[in-house]
Amino acid sequence: MGKSLIYIGNSNSDGIPNTLLEAICMDVFPIQSNPGRVTEEVIVNGENGLLINDCEDVNEIMGKMKQAIVNKEMVFKCHSF
């Protein structure tokens, strides 16, 4: 993960995933599902990451990935380097 710019975590039954916290600690831009609306306590959608609303919607997930790839400024403002 040390060389990654983007982290994608998708689950339908997690609280706060450890991998999400590890990604944030490594300055990796997170795209994460939001089961139980717990993840939104850590990620402000569009500011310090992107939230996946429907973890089974492939088009939504693909759209979030494209959004992060196209909007480099959003991704890089999360990095401390």
Protein backbone atom coordinates (compact mmCIF):
# COMPACT_ATOMS: atom_id res chain seq x y z
CA MET A 1 0.00 0.00 0.00
CA GLY A 2 2.97 2.30 0.44
CA LYS A 3 3.05 3.19 -3.27
CA SER A 4 -0.72 3.32 -3.82
CA LEU A 5 -2.63 6.53 -4.44
CA ILE A 6 -6.12 5.07 -4.18
CA TYR A 7 -7.60 2.44 -1.85
CA ILE A 8 -10.92 0.71 -2.59
CA GLY A 9 -12.75 -1.09 0.18
CA ASN A 10 -16.15 -2.60 -0.42
CA SER A 11 -18.19 -4.52 2.11
CA ASN A 12 -21.83 -4.90 3.03
CA SER A 13 -21.31 -5.66 6.72
CA ASP A 14 -18.31 -3.90 8.23
CA GLY A 15 -18.00 -1.30 10.90
CA ILE A 16 -14.81 0.70 10.38
CA PRO A 17 -12.51 -1.58 8.36
CA ASN A 18 -8.91 -1.80 9.55
CA THR A 19 -7.72 -1.57 5.94
CA LEU A 20 -9.48 1.81 5.62
CA LEU A 21 -7.67 3.14 8.68
CA GLU A 22 -4.37 1.76 7.38
CA ALA A 23 -4.96 3.46 4.01
CA ILE A 24 -5.68 6.78 5.70
CA CYS A 25 -2.52 6.44 7.82
CA MET A 26 -0.54 5.79 4.63
CA ASP A 27 -2.02 8.93 2.93
CA VAL A 28 -3.90 6.81 0.40
CA PHE A 29 -7.16 8.27 -0.97
CA PRO A 30 -10.01 5.98 0.17
CA ILE A 31 -13.04 4.85 -1.78
CA GLN A 32 -15.06 2.90 0.76
CA SER A 33 -18.52 1.40 1.16
CA ASN A 34 -20.64 2.77 3.99
CA PRO A 35 -22.56 -0.10 5.64
CA GLY A 36 -24.47 1.10 8.67
CA ARG A 37 -23.33 4.64 7.81
CA VAL A 38 -20.29 4.17 10.06
CA THR A 39 -17.67 5.04 7.46
CA GLU A 40 -19.15 8.52 6.95
CA GLU A 41 -17.87 9.34 10.43
CA VAL A 42 -14.34 9.14 8.99
CA ILE A 43 -14.81 10.04 5.32
CA VAL A 44 -16.40 13.29 4.18
CA ASN A 45 -17.59 12.31 0.72
CA GLY A 46 -15.69 14.20 -1.97
CA GLU A 47 -13.28 15.84 0.48
CA ASN A 48 -11.07 13.21 2.08
CA GLY A 49 -12.43 10.21 0.20
CA LEU A 50 -15.44 8.85 -1.63
CA LEU A 51 -18.28 6.81 -0.17
CA ILE A 52 -19.91 3.93 -2.01
CA ASN A 53 -23.62 4.00 -1.22
CA ASP A 54 -24.58 0.66 -2.77
CA CYS A 55 -21.82 -1.92 -2.41
CA GLU A 56 -23.43 -4.13 -5.07
CA ASP A 57 -23.77 -1.41 -7.72
CA VAL A 58 -20.86 -2.03 -10.09
CA ASN A 59 -21.65 1.13 -12.05
CA GLU A 60 -21.50 3.29 -8.92
CA ILE A 61 -18.18 1.76 -7.88
CA MET A 62 -16.78 2.23 -11.37
CA GLY A 63 -18.00 5.84 -11.35
CA LYS A 64 -16.25 6.52 -8.02
CA MET A 65 -13.04 5.03 -9.41
CA LYS A 66 -13.27 7.19 -12.53
CA GLN A 67 -13.99 10.25 -10.38
CA ALA A 68 -10.82 9.67 -8.36
CA ILE A 69 -8.70 9.01 -11.47
CA VAL A 70 -9.96 12.11 -13.30
CA ASN A 71 -9.95 14.46 -10.31
CA LYS A 72 -6.30 14.24 -9.32
CA GLU A 73 -6.53 17.44 -7.27
CA MET A 74 -9.09 15.82 -4.96
CA VAL A 75 -6.88 12.74 -4.53
CA PHE A 76 -3.63 14.63 -4.00
CA LYS A 77 -5.03 17.06 -1.44
CA CYS A 78 -5.39 14.03 0.86
CA HIS A 79 -1.68 13.29 0.60
CA SER A 80 0.78 14.96 2.91
CA PHE A 81 3.69 14.65 0.48
